[in-house]
C-alpha atoms as a PDB file:
ATOM      1  CA  MET A   1      -8.940   1.669  -9.291  1.00  0.00           C
ATOM      2  CA  VAL A   2      -7.479   3.348  -6.195  1.00  0.00           C
ATOM      3  CA  LYS A   3      -3.709   3.801  -6.281  1.00  0.00           C
ATOM      4  CA  ALA A   4      -1.375   3.890  -3.282  1.00  0.00           C
ATOM      5  CA  PRO A   5      -0.513   7.434  -2.192  1.00  0.00           C
ATOM      6  CA  VAL A   6       2.866   8.378  -3.642  1.00  0.00           C
ATOM      7  CA  GLY A   7       4.739  11.639  -4.293  1.00  0.00           C
ATOM      8  CA  ASN A   8       2.863  14.716  -3.059  1.00  0.00           C
ATOM      9  CA  LYS A   9      -0.035  12.661  -1.639  1.00  0.00           C
ATOM     10  CA  LEU A  10       2.355  10.647   0.513  1.00  0.00           C
ATOM     11  CA  ALA A  11       4.215  13.841   1.538  1.00  0.00           C
ATOM     12  CA  ILE A  12       0.918  15.456   2.615  1.00  0.00           C
ATOM     13  CA  LEU A  13      -0.020  12.309   4.538  1.00  0.00           C
ATOM     14  CA  SER A  14       3.358  12.380   6.300  1.00  0.00           C
ATOM     15  CA  ALA A  15       2.973  16.088   7.164  1.00  0.00           C
ATOM     16  CA  LEU A  16      -0.514  15.698   8.646  1.00  0.00           C
ATOM     17  CA  SER A  17      -0.837  15.052  12.367  1.00  0.00           C
ATOM     18  CA  ARG A  18      -3.671  14.249  14.764  1.00  0.00           C
ATOM     19  CA  ASP A  19      -2.219  16.681  17.321  1.00  0.00           C
ATOM     20  CA  HIS A  20      -2.270  19.983  15.427  1.00  0.00           C
ATOM     21  CA  PHE A  21      -3.685  21.652  12.328  1.00  0.00           C
ATOM     22  CA  ILE A  22      -1.571  22.578   9.315  1.00  0.00           C
ATOM     23  CA  SER A  23      -2.821  25.075   6.749  1.00  0.00           C
ATOM     24  CA  GLY A  24      -3.221  24.354   3.062  1.00  0.00           C
ATOM     25  CA  GLN A  25      -0.874  27.280   2.383  1.00  0.00           C
ATOM     26  CA  ALA A  26       1.874  25.804   4.634  1.00  0.00           C
ATOM     27  CA  LEU A  27       1.485  22.397   2.974  1.00  0.00           C
ATOM     28  CA  GLY A  28       1.659  24.014  -0.464  1.00  0.00           C
ATOM     29  CA  GLU A  29       4.818  25.960   0.457  1.00  0.00           C
ATOM     30  CA  GLN A  30       6.496  22.817   1.841  1.00  0.00           C
ATOM     31  CA  LEU A  31       5.803  20.933  -1.389  1.00  0.00           C
ATOM     32  CA  GLY A  32       6.038  23.787  -3.889  1.00  0.00           C
ATOM     33  CA  ILE A  33       2.460  23.304  -5.130  1.00  0.00           C
ATOM     34  CA  SER A  34      -0.703  25.463  -5.098  1.00  0.00           C
ATOM     35  CA  ARG A  35      -3.352  25.403  -2.366  1.00  0.00           C
ATOM     36  CA  ALA A  36      -5.800  24.110  -4.976  1.00  0.00           C
ATOM     37  CA  ALA A  37      -3.469  21.165  -5.658  1.00  0.00           C
ATOM     38  CA  VAL A  38      -3.223  20.508  -1.902  1.00  0.00           C
ATOM     39  CA  SER A  39      -7.027  20.559  -1.663  1.00  0.00           C
ATOM     40  CA  LYS A  40      -7.291  18.079  -4.560  1.00  0.00           C
ATOM     41  CA  HIS A  41      -4.774  15.685  -2.946  1.00  0.00           C
ATOM     42  CA  ILE A  42      -6.600  15.931   0.405  1.00  0.00           C
ATOM     43  CA  LYS A  43      -9.882  15.054  -1.349  1.00  0.00           C
ATOM     44  CA  SER A  44      -8.359  11.940  -2.944  1.00  0.00           C
ATOM     45  CA  LEU A  45      -6.885  10.856   0.439  1.00  0.00           C
ATOM     46  CA  GLN A  46     -10.348  11.258   1.993  1.00  0.00           C
ATOM     47  CA  ASP A  47     -11.793   9.153  -0.848  1.00  0.00           C
ATOM     48  CA  MET A  48      -9.440   6.365   0.277  1.00  0.00           C
ATOM     49  CA  GLY A  49     -11.136   6.373   3.682  1.00  0.00           C
ATOM     50  CA  ILE A  50      -8.514   8.467   5.499  1.00  0.00           C
ATOM     51  CA  ASP A  51     -10.177  10.589   8.186  1.00  0.00           C
ATOM     52  CA  ILE A  52      -8.955  14.167   7.565  1.00  0.00           C
ATOM     53  CA  PHE A  53     -10.618  17.140   9.296  1.00  0.00           C
ATOM     54  CA  LYS A  54     -10.789  20.548   7.670  1.00  0.00           C
ATOM     55  CA  VAL A  55     -11.498  23.655   9.782  1.00  0.00           C
ATOM     56  CA  THR A  56     -11.715  27.041   8.009  1.00  0.00           C
ATOM     57  CA  GLY A  57      -8.944  29.343   9.188  1.00  0.00           C
ATOM     58  CA  LYS A  58      -6.983  26.485  10.780  1.00  0.00           C
ATOM     59  CA  GLY A  59      -6.346  23.978   8.001  1.00  0.00           C
ATOM     60  CA  TYR A  60      -6.213  20.196   8.109  1.00  0.00           C
ATOM     61  CA  ARG A  61      -5.458  17.500  10.647  1.00  0.00           C
ATOM     62  CA  LEU A  62      -5.880  13.731  10.975  1.00  0.00           C
ATOM     63  CA  ASN A  63      -8.694  12.375  13.118  1.00  0.00           C
ATOM     64  CA  HIS A  64      -6.429   9.439  14.047  1.00  0.00           C
ATOM     65  CA  SER A  65      -2.673   9.089  13.936  1.00  0.00           C
ATOM     66  CA  LEU A  66      -1.887   6.838  10.982  1.00  0.00           C
ATOM     67  CA  PRO A  67       0.628   4.126  11.907  1.00  0.00           C
ATOM     68  CA  LEU A  68       1.920   3.050   8.491  1.00  0.00           C
ATOM     69  CA  LEU A  69       3.705  -0.185   7.593  1.00  0.00           C
ATOM     70  CA  ASP A  70       7.314   0.041   6.455  1.00  0.00           C
ATOM     71  CA  GLN A  71       9.377  -2.953   5.301  1.00  0.00           C
ATOM     72  CA  SER A  72      12.614  -1.246   6.366  1.00  0.00           C
ATOM     73  CA  LYS A  73      11.271  -0.848   9.925  1.00  0.00           C
ATOM     74  CA  ILE A  74       9.909  -4.387  10.147  1.00  0.00           C
ATOM     75  CA  ILE A  75      13.320  -6.049   9.585  1.00  0.00           C
ATOM     76  CA  PRO A  76      15.158  -4.554  12.626  1.00  0.00           C
ATOM     77  CA  VAL A  77      12.168  -5.266  14.913  1.00  0.00           C
ATOM     78  CA  TRP A  78      12.188  -8.875  13.687  1.00  0.00           C
ATOM     79  CA  GLN A  79      15.953  -9.270  14.084  1.00  0.00           C
ATOM     80  CA  ALA A  80      15.804  -7.949  17.663  1.00  0.00           C
ATOM     81  CA  LEU A  81      13.350 -10.729  18.611  1.00  0.00           C
ATOM     82  CA  THR A  82      14.482 -13.792  16.635  1.00  0.00           C
ATOM     83  CA  ASP A  83      17.296 -15.123  14.474  1.00  0.00           C
ATOM     84  CA  LYS A  84      14.910 -16.882  12.051  1.00  0.00           C
ATOM     85  CA  PRO A  85      14.633 -15.398   8.530  1.00  0.00           C
ATOM     86  CA  CYS A  86      11.925 -12.759   8.124  1.00  0.00           C
ATOM     87  CA  HIS A  87       9.216 -13.460   5.508  1.00  0.00           C
ATOM     88  CA  ILE A  88       6.929 -10.443   5.997  1.00  0.00           C
ATOM     89  CA  GLU A  89       6.039  -8.658   2.749  1.00  0.00           C
ATOM     90  CA  VAL A  90       4.322  -5.249   2.671  1.00  0.00           C
ATOM     91  CA  GLN A  91       1.941  -4.267  -0.141  1.00  0.00           C
ATOM     92  CA  PRO A  92       0.440  -0.735  -0.176  1.00  0.00           C
ATOM     93  CA  ILE A  93      -2.865  -1.677  -1.846  1.00  0.00           C
ATOM     94  CA  ILE A  94      -4.166  -5.123  -2.816  1.00  0.00           C
ATOM     95  CA  ASP A  95      -7.529  -6.717  -3.570  1.00  0.00           C
ATOM     96  CA  SER A  96      -7.187  -9.079  -0.590  1.00  0.00           C
ATOM     97  CA  THR A  97      -4.118 -10.436   1.210  1.00  0.00           C
ATOM     98  CA  ASN A  98      -5.796 -13.862   1.482  1.00  0.00           C
ATOM     99  CA  SER A  99      -6.690 -13.902  -2.228  1.00  0.00           C
ATOM    100  CA  GLU A 100      -3.111 -13.020  -3.221  1.00  0.00           C
ATOM    101  CA  LEU A 101      -1.603 -15.867  -1.170  1.00  0.00           C
ATOM    102  CA  MET A 102      -4.217 -18.304  -2.544  1.00  0.00           C
ATOM    103  CA  ARG A 103      -3.245 -17.242  -6.092  1.00  0.00           C
ATOM    104  CA  ARG A 104       0.424 -17.937  -5.294  1.00  0.00           C
ATOM    105  CA  ILE A 105      -0.494 -21.387  -3.952  1.00  0.00           C
ATOM    106  CA  GLN A 106      -2.564 -22.217  -7.038  1.00  0.00           C
ATOM    107  CA  SER A 107       0.137 -21.005  -9.438  1.00  0.00           C
ATOM    108  CA  LYS A 108       2.685 -23.130  -7.504  1.00  0.00           C
ATOM    109  CA  ASP A 109       4.870 -20.057  -6.900  1.00  0.00           C
ATOM    110  CA  ALA A 110       8.349 -21.452  -6.163  1.00  0.00           C
ATOM    111  CA  ALA A 111       9.184 -18.463  -3.934  1.00  0.00           C
ATOM    112  CA  LEU A 112       6.280 -19.203  -1.565  1.00  0.00           C
ATOM    113  CA  THR A 113       7.487 -20.802   1.672  1.00  0.00           C
ATOM    114  CA  SER A 114       5.545 -21.856   4.752  1.00  0.00           C
ATOM    115  CA  GLY A 115       5.533 -18.900   7.133  1.00  0.00           C
ATOM    116  CA  GLN A 116       5.213 -16.267   4.371  1.00  0.00           C
ATOM    117  CA  VAL A 117       3.262 -13.228   5.613  1.00  0.00           C
ATOM    118  CA  LEU A 118       1.560 -10.610   3.471  1.00  0.00           C
ATOM    119  CA  VAL A 119       0.404  -7.330   5.052  1.00  0.00           C
ATOM    120  CA  ALA A 120      -1.278  -4.445   3.260  1.00  0.00           C
ATOM    121  CA  GLU A 121      -2.271  -0.851   3.968  1.00  0.00           C
ATOM    122  CA  MET A 122      -5.556  -1.201   2.101  1.00  0.00           C
ATOM    123  CA  GLN A 123      -7.701  -3.982   0.624  1.00  0.00           C
ATOM    124  CA  GLN A 124     -10.061  -3.235  -2.224  1.00  0.00           C
ATOM    125  CA  ALA A 125     -11.931  -6.528  -1.843  1.00  0.00           C
ATOM    126  CA  GLY A 126     -11.294  -7.515   1.761  1.00  0.00           C
ATOM    127  CA  ARG A 127     -13.310 -10.572   2.783  1.00  0.00           C
ATOM    128  CA  GLY A 128     -14.787 -11.719   6.064  1.00  0.00           C
ATOM    129  CA  ARG A 129     -16.559 -14.971   6.795  1.00  0.00           C
ATOM    130  CA  ARG A 130     -19.780 -15.997   5.031  1.00  0.00           C
ATOM    131  CA  GLY A 131     -18.977 -13.820   2.010  1.00  0.00           C
ATOM    132  CA  ARG A 132     -19.090 -10.554   3.939  1.00  0.00           C
ATOM    133  CA  GLN A 133     -16.970  -7.572   2.955  1.00  0.00           C
ATOM    134  CA  TRP A 134     -14.216  -6.650   5.424  1.00  0.00           C
ATOM    135  CA  GLN A 135     -13.935  -2.852   5.769  1.00  0.00           C
ATOM    136  CA  SER A 136     -10.347  -2.051   4.726  1.00  0.00           C
ATOM    137  CA  PRO A 137      -9.665   1.709   4.518  1.00  0.00           C
ATOM    138  CA  PHE A 138      -6.101   2.839   3.783  1.00  0.00           C
ATOM    139  CA  GLY A 139      -3.634   2.778   6.671  1.00  0.00           C
ATOM    140  CA  ALA A 140      -6.339   2.410   9.312  1.00  0.00           C
ATOM    141  CA  ASN A 141      -6.068  -1.245  10.306  1.00  0.00           C
ATOM    142  CA  LEU A 142      -3.895  -4.349  10.005  1.00  0.00           C
ATOM    143  CA  TYR A 143      -4.731  -6.554   7.013  1.00  0.00           C
ATOM    144  CA  TYR A 144      -2.653  -9.672   7.485  1.00  0.00           C
ATOM    145  CA  SER A 145      -2.348 -13.129   5.897  1.00  0.00           C
ATOM    146  CA  TYR A 146      -0.053 -16.033   6.813  1.00  0.00           C
ATOM    147  CA  TYR A 147       0.696 -19.058   4.605  1.00  0.00           C
ATOM    148  CA  TRP A 148       1.116 -22.443   6.344  1.00  0.00           C
ATOM    149  CA  HIS A 149       1.953 -25.746   4.670  1.00  0.00           C
ATOM    150  CA  PHE A 150       0.338 -28.433   6.842  1.00  0.00           C
ATOM    151  CA  GLU A 151       1.201 -32.105   6.279  1.00  0.00           C
ATOM    152  CA  ASP A 152      -1.709 -33.668   8.191  1.00  0.00           C
ATOM    153  CA  GLY A 153      -4.507 -32.747   5.799  1.00  0.00           C
ATOM    154  CA  MET A 154      -7.594 -30.521   5.771  1.00  0.00           C
ATOM    155  CA  GLN A 155      -9.514 -32.760   8.189  1.00  0.00           C
ATOM    156  CA  ALA A 156      -6.834 -32.274  10.870  1.00  0.00           C
ATOM    157  CA  ALA A 157      -6.764 -28.498  10.260  1.00  0.00           C
ATOM    158  CA  MET A 158     -10.386 -27.928  11.295  1.00  0.00           C
ATOM    159  CA  GLY A 159      -9.516 -26.393  14.686  1.00  0.00           C
ATOM    160  CA  VAL A 160      -6.812 -24.015  13.465  1.00  0.00           C
ATOM    161  CA  SER A 161      -8.904 -20.857  13.947  1.00  0.00           C
ATOM    162  CA  VAL A 162      -8.942 -21.604  17.710  1.00  0.00           C
ATOM    163  CA  ALA A 163      -5.120 -21.548  17.754  1.00  0.00           C
ATOM    164  CA  VAL A 164      -5.115 -18.351  15.661  1.00  0.00           C
ATOM    165  CA  GLY A 165      -7.472 -16.567  18.079  1.00  0.00           C
ATOM    166  CA  LEU A 166      -5.116 -17.466  20.933  1.00  0.00           C
ATOM    167  CA  ALA A 167      -2.124 -16.146  18.929  1.00  0.00           C
ATOM    168  CA  VAL A 168      -3.891 -12.772  18.520  1.00  0.00           C
ATOM    169  CA  HIS A 169      -4.582 -12.816  22.272  1.00  0.00           C
ATOM    170  CA  ASP A 170      -0.883 -13.580  22.952  1.00  0.00           C
ATOM    171  CA  ALA A 171       0.319 -10.698  20.769  1.00  0.00           C
ATOM    172  CA  LEU A 172      -2.055  -8.084  22.233  1.00  0.00           C
ATOM    173  CA  SER A 173      -1.305  -9.244  25.762  1.00  0.00           C
ATOM    174  CA  ALA A 174       2.470  -9.106  25.212  1.00  0.00           C
ATOM    175  CA  LEU A 175       2.488  -5.711  23.454  1.00  0.00           C
ATOM    176  CA  TYR A 176      -0.252  -3.762  25.217  1.00  0.00           C
ATOM    177  CA  ASP A 177      -1.196  -5.851  28.280  1.00  0.00           C
ATOM    178  CA  LEU A 178      -4.658  -5.911  26.707  1.00  0.00           C
ATOM    179  CA  GLY A 179      -7.192  -8.506  27.857  1.00  0.00           C
ATOM    180  CA  VAL A 180      -9.376  -9.815  25.018  1.00  0.00           C
ATOM    181  CA  GLN A 181     -12.133 -12.408  24.778  1.00  0.00           C
ATOM    182  CA  LEU A 182     -12.513 -14.990  22.016  1.00  0.00           C
ATOM    183  CA  LYS A 183     -15.776 -15.642  20.202  1.00  0.00           C
ATOM    184  CA  TRP A 184     -16.189 -18.997  18.480  1.00  0.00           C
ATOM    185  CA  PRO A 185     -15.278 -19.796  15.790  1.00  0.00           C
ATOM    186  CA  ASN A 186     -12.937 -16.913  14.941  1.00  0.00           C
ATOM    187  CA  ASP A 187     -13.525 -13.440  16.357  1.00  0.00           C
ATOM    188  CA  ILE A 188     -11.584 -11.417  18.934  1.00  0.00           C
ATOM    189  CA  TYR A 189     -13.587  -9.174  21.266  1.00  0.00           C
ATOM    190  CA  ILE A 190     -13.000  -6.463  23.869  1.00  0.00           C
ATOM    191  CA  ASN A 191     -15.991  -5.888  26.184  1.00  0.00           C
ATOM    192  CA  GLU A 192     -18.425  -7.506  23.715  1.00  0.00           C
ATOM    193  CA  HIS A 193     -17.155  -5.309  20.846  1.00  0.00           C
ATOM    194  CA  LYS A 194     -15.405  -6.920  17.876  1.00  0.00           C
ATOM    195  CA  LEU A 195     -11.720  -5.997  17.537  1.00  0.00           C
ATOM    196  CA  ALA A 196     -10.520  -8.571  14.986  1.00  0.00           C
ATOM    197  CA  GLY A 197     -11.686 -11.403  12.784  1.00  0.00           C
ATOM    198  CA  VAL A 198     -10.013 -14.496  11.378  1.00  0.00           C
ATOM    199  CA  LEU A 199     -10.608 -16.121   7.977  1.00  0.00           C
ATOM    200  CA  VAL A 200      -8.849 -19.472   7.407  1.00  0.00           C
ATOM    201  CA  GLU A 201      -8.908 -20.813   3.832  1.00  0.00           C
ATOM    202  CA  LEU A 202      -7.706 -24.270   2.835  1.00  0.00           C
ATOM    203  CA  ASP A 203      -6.451 -25.833  -0.368  1.00  0.00           C
ATOM    204  CA  GLY A 204      -5.376 -29.464  -0.729  1.00  0.00           C
ATOM    205  CA  GLN A 205      -6.393 -32.955   0.365  1.00  0.00           C
ATOM    206  CA  MET A 206      -8.526 -34.176   3.269  1.00  0.00           C
ATOM    207  CA  GLU A 207      -5.817 -36.583   4.476  1.00  0.00           C
ATOM    208  CA  GLY A 208      -2.610 -35.553   2.654  1.00  0.00           C
ATOM    209  CA  PRO A 209      -0.595 -32.306   2.649  1.00  0.00           C
ATOM    210  CA  CYS A 210      -2.630 -29.101   2.423  1.00  0.00           C
ATOM    211  CA  HIS A 211      -2.144 -25.353   2.259  1.00  0.00           C
ATOM    212  CA  LEU A 212      -3.685 -22.914   4.731  1.00  0.00           C
ATOM    213  CA  VAL A 213      -4.024 -19.174   4.338  1.00  0.00           C
ATOM    214  CA  ILE A 214      -4.746 -17.590   7.706  1.00  0.00           C
ATOM    215  CA  GLY A 215      -6.229 -14.120   7.320  1.00  0.00           C
ATOM    216  CA  ILE A 216      -6.466 -11.706  10.258  1.00  0.00           C
ATOM    217  CA  GLY A 217      -8.165  -8.323  10.071  1.00  0.00           C
ATOM    218  CA  LEU A 218      -7.425  -6.245  13.168  1.00  0.00           C
ATOM    219  CA  ASN A 219      -9.001  -2.815  13.729  1.00  0.00           C
ATOM    220  CA  VAL A 220      -6.272  -0.318  14.636  1.00  0.00           C
ATOM    221  CA  ALA A 221      -7.690   3.192  14.008  1.00  0.00           C
ATOM    222  CA  MET A 222     -10.975   2.779  12.137  1.00  0.00           C
ATOM    223  CA  PRO A 223     -12.171   6.032  10.507  1.00  0.00           C
ATOM    224  CA  ASN A 224     -15.797   7.015  11.057  1.00  0.00           C
ATOM    225  CA  SER A 225     -16.445   6.962   7.301  1.00  0.00           C
ATOM    226  CA  ALA A 226     -15.733   3.202   7.174  1.00  0.00           C
ATOM    227  CA  ALA A 227     -17.400   2.444  10.516  1.00  0.00           C
ATOM    228  CA  GLN A 228     -20.807   3.397   9.071  1.00  0.00           C
ATOM    229  CA  HIS A 229     -20.724   0.181   7.010  1.00  0.00           C
ATOM    230  CA  ILE A 230     -20.123  -2.187   9.975  1.00  0.00           C
ATOM    231  CA  ASP A 231     -23.284  -3.957  11.123  1.00  0.00           C
ATOM    232  CA  GLN A 232     -22.194  -4.943  14.655  1.00  0.00           C
ATOM    233  CA  ALA A 233     -20.640  -3.433  17.789  1.00  0.00           C
ATOM    234  CA  TRP A 234     -16.926  -2.894  17.109  1.00  0.00           C
ATOM    235  CA  THR A 235     -13.836  -1.380  18.673  1.00  0.00           C
ATOM    236  CA  ASP A 236     -10.263  -0.642  17.594  1.00  0.00           C
ATOM    237  CA  LEU A 237      -6.852  -0.555  19.274  1.00  0.00           C
ATOM    238  CA  SER A 238      -6.723   3.259  19.311  1.00  0.00           C
ATOM    239  CA  GLN A 239      -9.603   3.258  21.826  1.00  0.00           C
ATOM    240  CA  HIS A 240      -7.550   1.187  24.293  1.00  0.00           C
ATOM    241  CA  VAL A 241      -3.876   1.885  23.503  1.00  0.00           C
ATOM    242  CA  SER A 242      -2.096   5.254  23.143  1.00  0.00           C
ATOM    243  CA  GLU A 243       0.972   4.292  21.036  1.00  0.00           C
ATOM    244  CA  ILE A 244       0.618   1.761  18.220  1.00  0.00           C
ATOM    245  CA  ASP A 245       3.476   0.673  15.941  1.00  0.00           C
ATOM    246  CA  LYS A 246       1.932  -1.466  13.214  1.00  0.00           C
ATOM    247  CA  ASN A 247       5.360  -2.784  12.164  1.00  0.00           C
ATOM    248  CA  GLN A 248       5.992  -4.102  15.664  1.00  0.00           C
ATOM    249  CA  LEU A 249       2.431  -5.487  15.791  1.00  0.00           C
ATOM    250  CA  ALA A 250       2.939  -7.430  12.526  1.00  0.00           C
ATOM    251  CA  VAL A 251       6.210  -8.935  13.809  1.00  0.00           C
ATOM    252  CA  VAL A 252       4.932  -9.947  17.264  1.00  0.00           C
ATOM    253  CA  LEU A 253       1.703 -11.353  15.787  1.00  0.00           C
ATOM    254  CA  THR A 254       3.754 -13.470  13.351  1.00  0.00           C
ATOM    255  CA  LEU A 255       5.978 -14.870  16.126  1.00  0.00           C
ATOM    256  CA  CYS A 256       2.962 -15.638  18.344  1.00  0.00           C
ATOM    257  CA  LEU A 257       1.223 -17.323  15.411  1.00  0.00           C
ATOM    258  CA  GLN A 258       4.271 -19.462  14.633  1.00  0.00           C
ATOM    259  CA  LYS A 259       4.400 -20.601  18.253  1.00  0.00           C
ATOM    260  CA  ARG A 260       0.702 -21.531  18.367  1.00  0.00           C
ATOM    261  CA  LEU A 261       0.848 -23.328  14.987  1.00  0.00           C
ATOM    262  CA  HIS A 262       3.856 -25.325  16.207  1.00  0.00           C
ATOM    263  CA  MET A 263       1.805 -26.350  19.289  1.00  0.00           C
ATOM    264  CA  TYR A 264      -1.112 -27.270  17.013  1.00  0.00           C
ATOM    265  CA  GLN A 265       1.083 -29.369  14.718  1.00  0.00           C
ATOM    266  CA  LYS A 266       2.508 -31.234  17.704  1.00  0.00           C
ATOM    267  CA  ASN A 267      -0.562 -31.880  19.882  1.00  0.00           C
ATOM    268  CA  GLY A 268      -3.619 -30.430  18.115  1.00  0.00           C
ATOM    269  CA  LEU A 269      -5.707 -28.309  20.484  1.00  0.00           C
ATOM    270  CA  SER A 270      -5.092 -30.436  23.597  1.00  0.00           C
ATOM    271  CA  ASP A 271      -2.786 -27.821  25.197  1.00  0.00           C
ATOM    272  CA  MET A 272      -5.048 -24.900  24.242  1.00  0.00           C
ATOM    273  CA  VAL A 273      -8.646 -25.898  25.037  1.00  0.00           C
ATOM    274  CA  ALA A 274      -8.578 -24.848  28.712  1.00  0.00           C
ATOM    275  CA  GLN A 275      -7.056 -21.447  27.914  1.00  0.00           C
ATOM    276  CA  TRP A 276      -9.512 -20.801  25.075  1.00  0.00           C
ATOM    277  CA  ASN A 277     -12.444 -21.715  27.344  1.00  0.00           C
ATOM    278  CA  ALA A 278     -11.186 -19.289  29.998  1.00  0.00           C
ATOM    279  CA  LEU A 279     -11.258 -16.505  27.360  1.00  0.00           C
ATOM    280  CA  ASN A 280     -14.627 -17.525  25.864  1.00  0.00           C
ATOM    281  CA  ALA A 281     -16.629 -14.312  25.305  1.00  0.00           C
ATOM    282  CA  PHE A 282     -19.982 -16.136  25.707  1.00  0.00           C
ATOM    283  CA  ARG A 283     -19.046 -18.455  28.564  1.00  0.00           C
ATOM    284  CA  ASP A 284     -22.172 -19.892  30.294  1.00  0.00           C
ATOM    285  CA  GLN A 285     -24.437 -17.520  28.342  1.00  0.00           C
ATOM    286  CA  VAL A 286     -27.521 -18.352  26.301  1.00  0.00           C
ATOM    287  CA  VAL A 287     -26.608 -18.207  22.597  1.00  0.00           C
ATOM    288  CA  SER A 288     -28.095 -19.017  19.217  1.00  0.00           C
ATOM    289  CA  LEU A 289     -26.276 -20.804  16.414  1.00  0.00           C
ATOM    290  CA  SER A 290     -27.441 -20.276  12.865  1.00  0.00           C
ATOM    291  CA  THR A 291     -26.520 -21.662   9.450  1.00  0.00           C
ATOM    292  CA  GLY A 292     -29.050 -19.490   7.633  1.00  0.00           C
ATOM    293  CA  GLN A 293     -31.432 -22.439   7.179  1.00  0.00           C
ATOM    294  CA  ARG A 294     -31.358 -23.827  10.739  1.00  0.00           C
ATOM    295  CA  GLN A 295     -31.049 -22.378  14.209  1.00  0.00           C
ATOM    296  CA  TRP A 296     -30.208 -23.828  17.612  1.00  0.00           C
ATOM    297  CA  ARG A 297     -30.326 -22.298  21.105  1.00  0.00           C
ATOM    298  CA  GLY A 298     -28.423 -23.382  24.183  1.00  0.00           C
ATOM    299  CA  ILE A 299     -25.951 -22.467  26.893  1.00  0.00           C
ATOM    300  CA  CYS A 300     -22.410 -21.983  25.600  1.00  0.00           C
ATOM    301  CA  GLU A 301     -20.045 -24.312  27.484  1.00  0.00           C
ATOM    302  CA  GLY A 302     -16.918 -23.704  25.389  1.00  0.00           C
ATOM    303  CA  ILE A 303     -15.035 -25.899  22.929  1.00  0.00           C
ATOM    304  CA  ASP A 304     -13.886 -29.525  22.762  1.00  0.00           C
ATOM    305  CA  HIS A 305     -10.492 -30.914  21.692  1.00  0.00           C
ATOM    306  CA  GLN A 306     -11.449 -30.707  17.981  1.00  0.00           C
ATOM    307  CA  GLY A 307     -12.454 -27.046  18.263  1.00  0.00           C
ATOM    308  CA  GLY A 308     -16.182 -27.781  18.113  1.00  0.00           C
ATOM    309  CA  LEU A 309     -18.588 -25.617  20.127  1.00  0.00           C
ATOM    310  CA  ILE A 310     -20.358 -27.343  23.046  1.00  0.00           C
ATOM    311  CA  LEU A 311     -23.934 -26.223  23.723  1.00  0.00           C
ATOM    312  CA  ARG A 312     -26.042 -27.468  26.612  1.00  0.00           C
ATOM    313  CA  GLN A 313     -29.567 -27.965  25.295  1.00  0.00           C
ATOM    314  CA  ASP A 314     -32.330 -29.360  27.535  1.00  0.00           C
ATOM    315  CA  GLY A 315     -29.756 -30.903  29.841  1.00  0.00           C
ATOM    316  CA  GLU A 316     -27.816 -32.546  26.976  1.00  0.00           C
ATOM    317  CA  ARG A 317     -24.411 -31.456  25.677  1.00  0.00           C
ATOM    318  CA  LYS A 318     -24.197 -31.228  21.875  1.00  0.00           C
ATOM    319  CA  THR A 319     -21.173 -30.261  19.784  1.00  0.00           C
ATOM    320  CA  TYR A 320     -21.248 -28.159  16.623  1.00  0.00           C
ATOM    321  CA  TYR A 321     -18.379 -27.595  14.207  1.00  0.00           C
ATOM    322  CA  GLY A 322     -17.319 -24.494  12.239  1.00  0.00           C
ATOM    323  CA  GLY A 323     -17.871 -23.650   8.621  1.00  0.00           C
ATOM    324  CA  GLU A 324     -20.752 -21.356   7.723  1.00  0.00           C
ATOM    325  CA  ILE A 325     -22.123 -21.060  11.258  1.00  0.00           C
ATOM    326  CA  SER A 326     -22.935 -17.783  12.983  1.00  0.00           C
ATOM    327  CA  LEU A 327     -22.945 -17.486  16.783  1.00  0.00           C
ATOM    328  CA  ARG A 328     -24.894 -14.749  18.556  1.00  0.00           C
ATOM    329  CA  LYS A 329     -25.637 -14.022  22.192  1.00  0.00           C
ATOM    330  CA  GLU A 330     -29.367 -14.065  22.950  1.00  0.00           C
ATOM    331  CA  SER A 331     -30.548 -10.716  24.287  1.00  0.00           C
END
């Protein structure tokens, strides 16, 4: 079981920079430990997926700057933007932020309130859609889950991932003036490369009150060691943005999400369909939809007011709804 870096490991991580090398001897002198001990700590940090270069005669440096989460930095950012109470909790290492919030729902945790956010530096069992593993190396990306108590039932929550995609768009636009595209049902793209994914999990009744856990995995500074395991074209924020503060990102994302969920609760997707369709990554392109057993081809026309995907097939418009469906552009 991987443990969060503490003590000397954390001190080494803090001393490393992407801009210049630091020798093992200098690190050892700073911490009062041997070069062999430094080397051992570096090895265990690399085993956690942290991209650390070693050059003989120069020492060590980070491949990427590592923007770490810090509860004490999140609070002032939050308070500068809103007077609502802050419910963002930071965990260094967790199996999965979504799984942890689902456990709290199922155990009827009295401290769990709608709007609770859990962010982590590393997931040991991060999950994407359709049972895929979500690559979650330490400190590299944003692993984020939001708990929402929704009174209108699971049936009415079917289009939530559309609202979530727009919230991610809002946050990245506000912070970095970054234009993204949205891929149905729940991916965020830049120039046909995946930047983030959404996993919405539900617990409750079809018609009565239900619980939603909204998971967002957003690539921030993906190390090459983890990228080898990704089976599609991807990108991360560090390729498009020079300065990234993950604490600020978590706060702004939460506020954008709250705003979109409030819109959804009030009017469903009616105020969001046109904007989503304008950001549709596969707009007017030939695509294939697959459930594993069945496949359909057609021209992607966007989404309807329930969040279903509209395909034009042989002159007819047909609508398909989420779940275990995969959407791909035809080459």
